[in-house]
Amino acid sequence: TAHNCLFEWGGLESGERVLIHAAAGGVGSAAVQLASRAGAEVFGTASSDKKLAHIDELGCDHPINYVENDFAEEITALTD
């Protein structure tokens, strides 16, 4: 599922940016790892510090707590 969403349907390539919601879940975790390994800049949302630490370990470049922060504002600030 993660592979198809990222590469087959999304056409993700190295150097691109990707936002993965629920990045600490099963499919989200796989998506973070695949996107990171493909050379994408990965933004991932999760709801707790424990989950954010998990996705950081998986290769998420920008873990964002969507409960405490507006993820759109965070991404805008990070990407200008």
PDB file of N, CA and C in Angstrom:
ATOM      1  N   THR A   1       0.827  -1.199   0.000  1.00  0.00           N
ATOM      2  CA  THR A   1       0.000   0.000   0.000  1.00  0.00           C
ATOM      3  C   THR A   1       0.863   1.252   0.000  1.00  0.00           C
ATOM      4  N   ALA A   2       1.837   1.300   0.909  1.00  0.00           N
ATOM      5  CA  ALA A   2       2.705   2.476   0.989  1.00  0.00           C
ATOM      6  C   ALA A   2       3.494   2.651  -0.311  1.00  0.00           C
ATOM      7  N   HIS A   3       4.038   1.573  -0.819  1.00  0.00           N
ATOM      8  CA  HIS A   3       4.821   1.647  -2.057  1.00  0.00           C
ATOM      9  C   HIS A   3       3.956   2.138  -3.217  1.00  0.00           C
ATOM     10  N   ASN A   4       2.779   1.572  -3.375  1.00  0.00           N
ATOM     11  CA  ASN A   4       1.904   1.991  -4.471  1.00  0.00           C
ATOM     12  C   ASN A   4       1.537   3.468  -4.353  1.00  0.00           C
ATOM     13  N   CYS A   5       1.179   3.903  -3.158  1.00  0.00           N
ATOM     14  CA  CYS A   5       0.799   5.310  -2.970  1.00  0.00           C
ATOM     15  C   CYS A   5       1.945   6.259  -3.305  1.00  0.00           C
ATOM     16  N   LEU A   6       3.126   5.916  -2.864  1.00  0.00           N
ATOM     17  CA  LEU A   6       4.273   6.805  -3.071  1.00  0.00           C
ATOM     18  C   LEU A   6       4.797   6.779  -4.501  1.00  0.00           C
ATOM     19  N   PHE A   7       4.973   5.602  -5.055  1.00  0.00           N
ATOM     20  CA  PHE A   7       5.701   5.471  -6.308  1.00  0.00           C
ATOM     21  C   PHE A   7       4.831   5.172  -7.526  1.00  0.00           C
ATOM     22  N   GLU A   8       3.898   4.256  -7.390  1.00  0.00           N
ATOM     23  CA  GLU A   8       3.060   3.895  -8.535  1.00  0.00           C
ATOM     24  C   GLU A   8       2.059   5.009  -8.858  1.00  0.00           C
ATOM     25  N   TRP A   9       1.354   5.481  -7.837  1.00  0.00           N
ATOM     26  CA  TRP A   9       0.339   6.513  -8.056  1.00  0.00           C
ATOM     27  C   TRP A   9       0.896   7.913  -7.877  1.00  0.00           C
ATOM     28  N   GLY A  10       1.827   8.088  -6.937  1.00  0.00           N
ATOM     29  CA  GLY A  10       2.357   9.416  -6.644  1.00  0.00           C
ATOM     30  C   GLY A  10       3.579   9.810  -7.447  1.00  0.00           C
ATOM     31  N   GLY A  11       4.288   8.842  -7.994  1.00  0.00           N
ATOM     32  CA  GLY A  11       5.475   9.135  -8.796  1.00  0.00           C
ATOM     33  C   GLY A  11       6.594   9.814  -8.017  1.00  0.00           C
ATOM     34  N   LEU A  12       6.708   9.512  -6.737  1.00  0.00           N
ATOM     35  CA  LEU A  12       7.720  10.150  -5.883  1.00  0.00           C
ATOM     36  C   LEU A  12       9.128   9.874  -6.394  1.00  0.00           C
ATOM     37  N   GLU A  13       9.932  10.950  -6.433  1.00  0.00           N
ATOM     38  CA  GLU A  13      11.323  10.834  -6.866  1.00  0.00           C
ATOM     39  C   GLU A  13      12.251  11.491  -5.851  1.00  0.00           C
ATOM     40  N   SER A  14      13.512  11.139  -5.922  1.00  0.00           N
ATOM     41  CA  SER A  14      14.516  11.710  -5.037  1.00  0.00           C
ATOM     42  C   SER A  14      14.509  13.234  -5.147  1.00  0.00           C
ATOM     43  N   GLY A  15      14.629  13.895  -3.999  1.00  0.00           N
ATOM     44  CA  GLY A  15      14.660  15.348  -3.963  1.00  0.00           C
ATOM     45  C   GLY A  15      13.297  15.996  -3.794  1.00  0.00           C
ATOM     46  N   GLU A  16      12.234  15.233  -3.927  1.00  0.00           N
ATOM     47  CA  GLU A  16      10.895  15.775  -3.731  1.00  0.00           C
ATOM     48  C   GLU A  16      10.525  15.750  -2.255  1.00  0.00           C
ATOM     49  N   ARG A  17       9.452  16.425  -1.927  1.00  0.00           N
ATOM     50  CA  ARG A  17       8.943  16.459  -0.558  1.00  0.00           C
ATOM     51  C   ARG A  17       7.650  15.668  -0.488  1.00  0.00           C
ATOM     52  N   VAL A  18       7.454  15.009   0.663  1.00  0.00           N
ATOM     53  CA  VAL A  18       6.231  14.239   0.843  1.00  0.00           C
ATOM     54  C   VAL A  18       5.723  14.420   2.270  1.00  0.00           C
ATOM     55  N   LEU A  19       4.407  14.539   2.410  1.00  0.00           N
ATOM     56  CA  LEU A  19       3.754  14.614   3.713  1.00  0.00           C
ATOM     57  C   LEU A  19       3.051  13.288   3.957  1.00  0.00           C
ATOM     58  N   ILE A  20       3.353  12.678   5.087  1.00  0.00           N
ATOM     59  CA  ILE A  20       2.736  11.403   5.449  1.00  0.00           C
ATOM     60  C   ILE A  20       1.960  11.597   6.745  1.00  0.00           C
ATOM     61  N   HIS A  21       0.635  11.512   6.649  1.00  0.00           N
ATOM     62  CA  HIS A  21      -0.212  11.591   7.833  1.00  0.00           C
ATOM     63  C   HIS A  21      -0.237  10.221   8.509  1.00  0.00           C
ATOM     64  N   ALA A  22      -0.458  10.212   9.825  1.00  0.00           N
ATOM     65  CA  ALA A  22      -0.471   8.960  10.595  1.00  0.00           C
ATOM     66  C   ALA A  22       0.821   8.184  10.342  1.00  0.00           C
ATOM     67  N   ALA A  23       1.927   8.895  10.389  1.00  0.00           N
ATOM     68  CA  ALA A  23       3.220   8.326  10.022  1.00  0.00           C
ATOM     69  C   ALA A  23       3.713   7.251  10.979  1.00  0.00           C
ATOM     70  N   ALA A  24       3.150   7.163  12.162  1.00  0.00           N
ATOM     71  CA  ALA A  24       3.585   6.152  13.126  1.00  0.00           C
ATOM     72  C   ALA A  24       2.785   4.860  13.020  1.00  0.00           C
ATOM     73  N   GLY A  25       1.744   4.850  12.206  1.00  0.00           N
ATOM     74  CA  GLY A  25       0.946   3.642  12.013  1.00  0.00           C
ATOM     75  C   GLY A  25       1.657   2.657  11.104  1.00  0.00           C
ATOM     76  N   GLY A  26       1.006   1.565  10.808  1.00  0.00           N
ATOM     77  CA  GLY A  26       1.612   0.515   9.994  1.00  0.00           C
ATOM     78  C   GLY A  26       1.990   0.974   8.599  1.00  0.00           C
ATOM     79  N   VAL A  27       1.025   1.460   7.836  1.00  0.00           N
ATOM     80  CA  VAL A  27       1.295   1.914   6.482  1.00  0.00           C
ATOM     81  C   VAL A  27       2.136   3.182   6.506  1.00  0.00           C
ATOM     82  N   GLY A  28       1.866   4.066   7.457  1.00  0.00           N
ATOM     83  CA  GLY A  28       2.633   5.303   7.582  1.00  0.00           C
ATOM     84  C   GLY A  28       4.100   5.041   7.861  1.00  0.00           C
ATOM     85  N   SER A  29       4.385   4.100   8.745  1.00  0.00           N
ATOM     86  CA  SER A  29       5.772   3.753   9.062  1.00  0.00           C
ATOM     87  C   SER A  29       6.504   3.219   7.833  1.00  0.00           C
ATOM     88  N   ALA A  30       5.821   2.385   7.079  1.00  0.00           N
ATOM     89  CA  ALA A  30       6.417   1.863   5.848  1.00  0.00           C
ATOM     90  C   ALA A  30       6.650   2.998   4.856  1.00  0.00           C
ATOM     91  N   ALA A  31       5.695   3.914   4.756  1.00  0.00           N
ATOM     92  CA  ALA A  31       5.819   5.034   3.826  1.00  0.00           C
ATOM     93  C   ALA A  31       6.996   5.933   4.201  1.00  0.00           C
ATOM     94  N   VAL A  32       7.170   6.192   5.493  1.00  0.00           N
ATOM     95  CA  VAL A  32       8.297   7.014   5.942  1.00  0.00           C
ATOM     96  C   VAL A  32       9.611   6.371   5.525  1.00  0.00           C
ATOM     97  N   GLN A  33       9.750   5.094   5.775  1.00  0.00           N
ATOM     98  CA  GLN A  33      10.995   4.404   5.448  1.00  0.00           C
ATOM     99  C   GLN A  33      11.252   4.373   3.945  1.00  0.00           C
ATOM    100  N   LEU A  34      10.228   4.075   3.168  1.00  0.00           N
ATOM    101  CA  LEU A  34      10.388   4.014   1.717  1.00  0.00           C
ATOM    102  C   LEU A  34      10.725   5.381   1.132  1.00  0.00           C
ATOM    103  N   ALA A  35      10.020   6.410   1.579  1.00  0.00           N
ATOM    104  CA  ALA A  35      10.250   7.759   1.056  1.00  0.00           C
ATOM    105  C   ALA A  35      11.639   8.262   1.442  1.00  0.00           C
ATOM    106  N   SER A  36      12.024   8.015   2.673  1.00  0.00           N
ATOM    107  CA  SER A  36      13.344   8.437   3.134  1.00  0.00           C
ATOM    108  C   SER A  36      14.437   7.746   2.337  1.00  0.00           C
ATOM    109  N   ARG A  37      14.291   6.467   2.161  1.00  0.00           N
ATOM    110  CA  ARG A  37      15.299   5.695   1.420  1.00  0.00           C
ATOM    111  C   ARG A  37      15.370   6.112  -0.050  1.00  0.00           C
ATOM    112  N   ALA A  38      14.252   6.605  -0.568  1.00  0.00           N
ATOM    113  CA  ALA A  38      14.211   7.054  -1.962  1.00  0.00           C
ATOM    114  C   ALA A  38      14.820   8.440  -2.138  1.00  0.00           C
ATOM    115  N   GLY A  39      15.170   9.093  -1.026  1.00  0.00           N
ATOM    116  CA  GLY A  39      15.800  10.405  -1.115  1.00  0.00           C
ATOM    117  C   GLY A  39      14.851  11.577  -1.041  1.00  0.00           C
ATOM    118  N   ALA A  40      13.630  11.341  -0.602  1.00  0.00           N
ATOM    119  CA  ALA A  40      12.658  12.425  -0.457  1.00  0.00           C
ATOM    120  C   ALA A  40      12.840  13.112   0.890  1.00  0.00           C
ATOM    121  N   GLU A  41      12.403  14.361   0.965  1.00  0.00           N
ATOM    122  CA  GLU A  41      12.338  15.066   2.245  1.00  0.00           C
ATOM    123  C   GLU A  41      10.981  14.715   2.839  1.00  0.00           C
ATOM    124  N   VAL A  42      10.994  14.101   4.029  1.00  0.00           N
ATOM    125  CA  VAL A  42       9.785  13.533   4.603  1.00  0.00           C
ATOM    126  C   VAL A  42       9.260  14.375   5.762  1.00  0.00           C
ATOM    127  N   PHE A  43       8.000  14.769   5.645  1.00  0.00           N
ATOM    128  CA  PHE A  43       7.251  15.422   6.708  1.00  0.00           C
ATOM    129  C   PHE A  43       6.233  14.406   7.191  1.00  0.00           C
ATOM    130  N   GLY A  44       6.197  14.169   8.506  1.00  0.00           N
ATOM    131  CA  GLY A  44       5.275  13.173   9.029  1.00  0.00           C
ATOM    132  C   GLY A  44       4.499  13.702  10.212  1.00  0.00           C
ATOM    133  N   THR A  45       3.220  13.373  10.273  1.00  0.00           N
ATOM    134  CA  THR A  45       2.403  13.799  11.401  1.00  0.00           C
ATOM    135  C   THR A  45       2.127  12.626  12.333  1.00  0.00           C
ATOM    136  N   ALA A  46       2.067  12.945  13.614  1.00  0.00           N
ATOM    137  CA  ALA A  46       1.729  11.979  14.653  1.00  0.00           C
ATOM    138  C   ALA A  46       1.189  12.753  15.847  1.00  0.00           C
ATOM    139  N   SER A  47       0.622  12.027  16.814  1.00  0.00           N
ATOM    140  CA  SER A  47      -0.110  12.686  17.894  1.00  0.00           C
ATOM    141  C   SER A  47       0.593  12.723  19.244  1.00  0.00           C
ATOM    142  N   SER A  48       1.778  12.139  19.370  1.00  0.00           N
ATOM    143  CA  SER A  48       2.450  12.130  20.671  1.00  0.00           C
ATOM    144  C   SER A  48       3.961  12.169  20.505  1.00  0.00           C
ATOM    145  N   ASP A  49       4.639  12.549  21.573  1.00  0.00           N
ATOM    146  CA  ASP A  49       6.099  12.591  21.541  1.00  0.00           C
ATOM    147  C   ASP A  49       6.693  11.206  21.279  1.00  0.00           C
ATOM    148  N   LYS A  50       6.084  10.175  21.826  1.00  0.00           N
ATOM    149  CA  LYS A  50       6.566   8.808  21.615  1.00  0.00           C
ATOM    150  C   LYS A  50       6.474   8.431  20.136  1.00  0.00           C
ATOM    151  N   LYS A  51       5.363   8.765  19.516  1.00  0.00           N
ATOM    152  CA  LYS A  51       5.193   8.464  18.090  1.00  0.00           C
ATOM    153  C   LYS A  51       6.123   9.313  17.234  1.00  0.00           C
ATOM    154  N   LEU A  52       6.335  10.557  17.623  1.00  0.00           N
ATOM    155  CA  LEU A  52       7.249  11.423  16.883  1.00  0.00           C
ATOM    156  C   LEU A  52       8.675  10.883  16.938  1.00  0.00           C
ATOM    157  N   ALA A  53       9.074  10.387  18.109  1.00  0.00           N
ATOM    158  CA  ALA A  53      10.407   9.788  18.244  1.00  0.00           C
ATOM    159  C   ALA A  53      10.532   8.554  17.351  1.00  0.00           C
ATOM    160  N   HIS A  54       9.466   7.784  17.280  1.00  0.00           N
ATOM    161  CA  HIS A  54       9.453   6.581  16.441  1.00  0.00           C
ATOM    162  C   HIS A  54       9.650   6.936  14.971  1.00  0.00           C
ATOM    163  N   ILE A  55       8.901   7.910  14.462  1.00  0.00           N
ATOM    164  CA  ILE A  55       9.035   8.242  13.041  1.00  0.00           C
ATOM    165  C   ILE A  55      10.363   8.940  12.745  1.00  0.00           C
ATOM    166  N   ASP A  56      10.896   9.624  13.736  1.00  0.00           N
ATOM    167  CA  ASP A  56      12.226  10.211  13.580  1.00  0.00           C
ATOM    168  C   ASP A  56      13.258   9.103  13.369  1.00  0.00           C
ATOM    169  N   GLU A  57      13.161   8.044  14.143  1.00  0.00           N
ATOM    170  CA  GLU A  57      14.072   6.908  14.011  1.00  0.00           C
ATOM    171  C   GLU A  57      13.924   6.206  12.660  1.00  0.00           C
ATOM    172  N   LEU A  58      12.736   6.284  12.085  1.00  0.00           N
ATOM    173  CA  LEU A  58      12.486   5.635  10.795  1.00  0.00           C
ATOM    174  C   LEU A  58      13.004   6.441   9.616  1.00  0.00           C
ATOM    175  N   GLY A  59      13.377   7.707   9.864  1.00  0.00           N
ATOM    176  CA  GLY A  59      13.909   8.524   8.791  1.00  0.00           C
ATOM    177  C   GLY A  59      13.098   9.752   8.436  1.00  0.00           C
ATOM    178  N   CYS A  60      12.086  10.055   9.242  1.00  0.00           N
ATOM    179  CA  CYS A  60      11.287  11.256   9.002  1.00  0.00           C
ATOM    180  C   CYS A  60      12.143  12.492   9.282  1.00  0.00           C
ATOM    181  N   ASP A  61      12.247  13.378   8.304  1.00  0.00           N
ATOM    182  CA  ASP A  61      13.059  14.580   8.455  1.00  0.00           C
ATOM    183  C   ASP A  61      12.396  15.625   9.347  1.00  0.00           C
ATOM    184  N   HIS A  62      11.076  15.670   9.302  1.00  0.00           N
ATOM    185  CA  HIS A  62      10.334  16.702  10.030  1.00  0.00           C
ATOM    186  C   HIS A  62       9.100  16.102  10.712  1.00  0.00           C
ATOM    187  N   PRO A  63       9.279  15.480  11.882  1.00  0.00           N
ATOM    188  CA  PRO A  63       8.121  14.969  12.625  1.00  0.00           C
ATOM    189  C   PRO A  63       7.306  16.136  13.189  1.00  0.00           C
ATOM    190  N   ILE A  64       6.000  16.113  12.996  1.00  0.00           N
ATOM    191  CA  ILE A  64       5.135  17.206  13.431  1.00  0.00           C
ATOM    192  C   ILE A  64       4.005  16.656  14.286  1.00  0.00           C
ATOM    193  N   ASN A  65       3.859  17.214  15.483  1.00  0.00           N
ATOM    194  CA  ASN A  65       2.761  16.839  16.369  1.00  0.00           C
ATOM    195  C   ASN A  65       1.523  17.623  15.939  1.00  0.00           C
ATOM    196  N   TYR A  66       0.573  16.931  15.312  1.00  0.00           N
ATOM    197  CA  TYR A  66      -0.603  17.614  14.800  1.00  0.00           C
ATOM    198  C   TYR A  66      -1.599  18.007  15.890  1.00  0.00           C
ATOM    199  N   VAL A  67      -1.436  17.473  17.091  1.00  0.00           N
ATOM    200  CA  VAL A  67      -2.311  17.844  18.210  1.00  0.00           C
ATOM    201  C   VAL A  67      -1.900  19.207  18.751  1.00  0.00           C
ATOM    202  N   GLU A  68      -0.604  19.449  18.824  1.00  0.00           N
ATOM    203  CA  GLU A  68      -0.085  20.685  19.395  1.00  0.00           C
ATOM    204  C   GLU A  68       0.180  21.778  18.368  1.00  0.00           C
ATOM    205  N   ASN A  69       0.312  21.404  17.102  1.00  0.00           N
ATOM    206  CA  ASN A  69       0.674  22.365  16.062  1.00  0.00           C
ATOM    207  C   ASN A  69      -0.192  22.192  14.828  1.00  0.00           C
ATOM    208  N   ASP A  70      -0.363  23.275  14.104  1.00  0.00           N
ATOM    209  CA  ASP A  70      -1.024  23.220  12.807  1.00  0.00           C
ATOM    210  C   ASP A  70       0.014  22.739  11.797  1.00  0.00           C
ATOM    211  N   PHE A  71      -0.187  21.539  11.270  1.00  0.00           N
ATOM    212  CA  PHE A  71       0.848  20.966  10.404  1.00  0.00           C
ATOM    213  C   PHE A  71       1.066  21.806   9.147  1.00  0.00           C
ATOM    214  N   ALA A  72       0.037  22.426   8.623  1.00  0.00           N
ATOM    215  CA  ALA A  72       0.195  23.272   7.428  1.00  0.00           C
ATOM    216  C   ALA A  72       1.089  24.474   7.729  1.00  0.00           C
ATOM    217  N   GLU A  73       0.882  25.091   8.881  1.00  0.00           N
ATOM    218  CA  GLU A  73       1.724  26.211   9.273  1.00  0.00           C
ATOM    219  C   GLU A  73       3.169  25.765   9.489  1.00  0.00           C
ATOM    220  N   GLU A  74       3.358  24.610  10.117  1.00  0.00           N
ATOM    221  CA  GLU A  74       4.697  24.075  10.355  1.00  0.00           C
ATOM    222  C   GLU A  74       5.431  23.828   9.037  1.00  0.00           C
ATOM    223  N   ILE A  75       4.744  23.218   8.091  1.00  0.00           N
ATOM    224  CA  ILE A  75       5.376  22.911   6.812  1.00  0.00           C
ATOM    225  C   ILE A  75       5.683  24.195   6.048  1.00  0.00           C
ATOM    226  N   THR A  76       4.785  25.142   6.099  1.00  0.00           N
ATOM    227  CA  THR A  76       5.027  26.429   5.433  1.00  0.00           C
ATOM    228  C   THR A  76       6.256  27.109   6.019  1.00  0.00           C
ATOM    229  N   ALA A  77       6.386  27.089   7.325  1.00  0.00           N
ATOM    230  CA  ALA A  77       7.554  27.700   7.976  1.00  0.00           C
ATOM    231  C   ALA A  77       8.838  26.970   7.610  1.00  0.00           C
ATOM    232  N   LEU A  78       8.775  25.657   7.485  1.00  0.00           N
ATOM    233  CA  LEU A  78       9.966  24.859   7.166  1.00  0.00           C
ATOM    234  C   LEU A  78      10.378  24.957   5.702  1.00  0.00           C
ATOM    235  N   THR A  79       9.417  25.208   4.830  1.00  0.00           N
ATOM    236  CA  THR A  79       9.708  25.203   3.392  1.00  0.00           C
ATOM    237  C   THR A  79       9.715  26.591   2.773  1.00  0.00           C
ATOM    238  N   ASP A  80       9.305  27.599   3.532  1.00  0.00           N
ATOM    239  CA  ASP A  80       9.231  28.975   3.058  1.00  0.00           C
ATOM    240  C   ASP A  80       8.388  29.079   1.808  1.00  0.00           C
TER     241      ASP A  80
END
